[in-house]
Protein backbone atom coordinates (compact mmCIF):
# COMPACT_ATOMS: atom_id res chain seq x y z
CA MET A 1 -25.09 99.51 84.76
CA THR A 2 -27.49 100.23 81.63
CA THR A 3 -27.16 104.09 81.47
CA GLU A 4 -25.92 105.80 78.79
CA ASN A 5 -24.95 109.57 80.84
CA LEU A 6 -24.84 109.18 84.57
CA VAL A 7 -25.23 113.00 85.13
CA SER A 8 -28.65 112.67 86.12
CA LEU A 9 -26.89 109.88 88.81
CA LYS A 10 -24.40 112.61 90.15
CA ASP A 11 -27.38 114.92 90.31
CA ASP A 12 -29.80 112.21 92.41
CA MET A 13 -26.36 111.96 94.37
CA ILE A 14 -25.53 115.39 95.07
CA ALA A 15 -28.67 115.45 96.53
CA PHE A 16 -28.58 112.41 98.93
CA ILE A 17 -25.65 113.60 99.84
CA GLU A 18 -26.48 116.85 101.36
CA GLY A 19 -30.02 116.03 102.51
CA HIS A 20 -27.14 113.62 105.01
CA GLY A 21 -25.85 117.20 105.60
CA MET A 22 -22.51 115.96 104.57
CA LYS A 23 -20.33 118.20 102.33
CA ARG A 24 -18.99 117.19 99.03
CA LEU A 25 -15.05 117.72 98.16
CA PRO A 26 -14.38 118.01 94.75
CA GLY A 27 -12.00 115.31 94.18
CA TYR A 28 -10.19 111.89 93.11
CA VAL A 29 -8.75 109.77 94.79
CA THR A 30 -5.62 107.85 92.58
CA GLU A 31 -4.70 104.46 92.54
CA ASP A 32 -2.00 105.78 94.57
CA VAL A 33 -3.87 105.41 97.06
CA GLN A 34 -4.75 102.41 99.09
CA ALA A 35 -8.33 101.70 99.29
CA VAL A 36 -11.08 99.63 99.88
CA LEU A 37 -13.39 99.58 96.81
CA TRP A 38 -16.80 99.41 97.77
CA GLU A 39 -18.90 95.73 95.93
CA ASP A 40 -22.14 95.86 95.37
CA ALA A 41 -22.62 95.11 91.61
CA ASP A 42 -25.95 94.05 92.06
CA ASN A 43 -27.77 96.51 93.49
CA ALA A 44 -28.01 100.08 91.30
CA ASP A 45 -28.35 101.97 94.29
CA SER A 46 -25.36 100.78 96.39
CA TRP A 47 -24.39 103.89 96.09
CA LYS A 48 -26.78 105.50 98.51
CA ASP A 49 -26.10 102.61 101.11
CA PHE A 50 -21.93 103.91 100.62
CA VAL A 51 -22.88 107.27 101.83
CA GLU A 52 -25.03 105.82 104.46
CA MET A 53 -21.86 104.10 105.80
CA ALA A 54 -19.50 107.40 105.41
CA LYS A 55 -22.60 109.23 107.44
CA HIS A 56 -22.60 106.30 110.12
CA ALA A 57 -19.06 106.29 110.04
CA GLY A 58 -18.76 110.61 110.95
CA ALA A 59 -16.63 111.66 107.68
CA LEU A 60 -18.06 114.73 107.55
CA PHE A 61 -17.77 114.98 103.25
CA VAL A 62 -17.08 112.77 100.95
CA THR A 63 -15.39 113.40 97.72
CA MET A 64 -17.19 112.86 94.56
CA SER A 65 -15.46 113.26 90.93
CA GLU A 66 -16.71 112.70 87.59
CA VAL A 67 -15.43 112.07 83.61
CA ALA A 68 -17.09 113.14 80.89
CA LEU A 69 -15.65 112.09 77.75
CA ASP A 70 -13.70 114.25 75.88
CA ARG A 71 -14.12 115.01 72.18
CA ALA A 72 -11.08 115.80 71.90
CA GLU A 73 -9.36 113.04 74.00
CA LEU A 74 -11.37 110.74 71.53
CA GLU A 75 -10.12 112.48 68.76
CA GLU A 76 -6.77 111.56 69.66
CA LEU A 77 -7.14 108.39 70.80
CA MET A 78 -8.45 107.16 67.10
CA GLU A 79 -5.64 108.72 65.85
CA GLN A 80 -3.04 106.86 67.49
CA VAL A 81 -5.73 103.06 66.94
CA SER A 82 -5.40 104.56 63.70
CA GLU A 83 -1.52 104.64 63.74
CA ILE A 84 -1.05 101.66 65.27
CA ASN A 85 -3.66 100.07 62.62
CA PHE A 86 -2.33 100.84 59.40
CA PRO A 87 -3.57 100.50 56.76
CA ASP A 88 -6.11 98.89 58.31
CA GLU A 89 -9.06 100.46 58.16
CA GLU A 90 -11.86 98.21 59.80
CA ALA A 91 -9.85 97.27 62.81
CA ASN A 92 -12.41 96.33 65.62
CA GLU A 93 -10.69 98.83 68.34
CA LEU A 94 -10.79 101.84 65.46
CA MET A 95 -14.33 100.82 65.36
CA GLU A 96 -14.89 100.95 68.83
CA ALA A 97 -13.00 104.09 69.29
CA GLN A 98 -15.72 105.37 66.40
CA MET A 99 -18.49 104.26 68.21
CA LEU A 100 -17.25 106.06 70.88
CA MET A 101 -17.72 109.12 69.45
CA LYS A 102 -21.86 108.72 70.68
CA HIS A 103 -21.18 109.62 74.04
CA ALA A 104 -18.81 112.34 74.00
CA GLY A 105 -19.58 114.98 76.57
CA LYS A 106 -21.93 112.20 78.47
CA VAL A 107 -20.83 111.22 81.74
CA GLY A 108 -19.32 107.60 81.91
CA TYR A 109 -17.09 107.65 85.55
CA ILE A 110 -18.14 108.62 88.86
CA GLN A 111 -16.48 108.42 92.51
CA LEU A 112 -17.36 108.67 95.64
CA GLY A 113 -14.87 108.46 98.37
CA PHE A 114 -14.56 108.93 102.39
CA VAL A 115 -11.80 108.28 105.11
CA HIS A 116 -12.36 106.64 108.46
CA GLN A 117 -9.22 105.96 110.21
CA GLY A 118 -6.92 106.68 107.78
CA VAL A 119 -8.57 104.15 105.27
CA VAL A 120 -9.64 105.43 102.59
CA PHE A 121 -13.23 103.56 100.70
CA LEU A 122 -14.04 104.29 97.80
CA HIS A 123 -17.50 103.71 96.17
CA GLU A 124 -17.20 103.49 91.72
CA THR A 125 -19.87 104.16 88.83
CA THR A 126 -19.70 103.45 85.30
CA THR A 127 -21.20 102.37 82.82
CA GLU A 128 -19.72 100.51 79.56
CA TRP A 129 -19.25 102.10 77.12
CA TYR A 130 -16.94 103.76 79.69
CA GLU A 131 -15.40 100.91 81.41
CA HIS A 132 -14.91 100.01 77.02
CA TYR A 133 -13.14 103.41 76.12
CA GLN A 134 -10.98 102.24 79.11
CA GLU A 135 -9.73 98.93 77.73
CA LEU A 136 -9.01 100.70 74.67
CA ILE A 137 -6.59 103.23 75.94
CA GLU A 138 -5.03 100.71 78.17
CA ASN A 139 -4.42 98.63 74.89
CA VAL A 140 -3.19 101.58 73.39
CA GLU A 141 -0.66 102.50 76.47
CA ALA A 142 0.22 98.97 76.38
CA PHE A 143 0.87 99.08 72.37
CA GLN A 144 3.03 101.22 72.31
CA GLN A 145 4.92 100.54 75.88
CA ILE A 146 6.03 97.69 73.11
CA LEU A 147 6.98 100.08 70.47
CA ILE A 148 9.40 101.87 72.63
CA ASP A 149 10.76 98.53 74.82
CA ASP A 150 11.98 97.31 70.75
CA ASP A 151 12.51 100.44 69.84
CA ASP A 152 15.21 100.52 73.57
CA GLU A 153 16.50 96.81 72.29
CA ASP A 154 17.41 97.78 68.37
CA GLU A 155 19.39 101.10 69.57
CA ASP A 156 21.23 98.61 72.30
CA GLU A 157 22.38 96.42 70.06
CA LEU A 158 23.69 99.50 67.60
């Protein structure tokens, strides 16, 4: 999505859901739950179709969750990236983390969901910067896992 902050979209979603006589359940559906993900990336208003599908399916409520970029979490991520890339203070990952600071406090992800006949249906809306943020987190976690695995192998050799 091209917008930098999804907060106004969130407000539109709330009004649209309530306008259809449905309730919102504040909740996030985790990756542990098997779900069907709505696919219509070319349509910026696909979330409306999703809400209308939930209504048509007889859902009484739609789950809704949002993620705003937290400054403290971003600072912690920057510290982790610095440690990984020490002494290279111009590493791409560190520069990416620093550039994300301008998005602190902004909403970058919204998840809508409903359950029909035991199946969870989800619609996710993200900003480009939030997707970069998630990739950076995954890269740091993967690198840290490599370090942990290396430490375990070193201990086994002793």
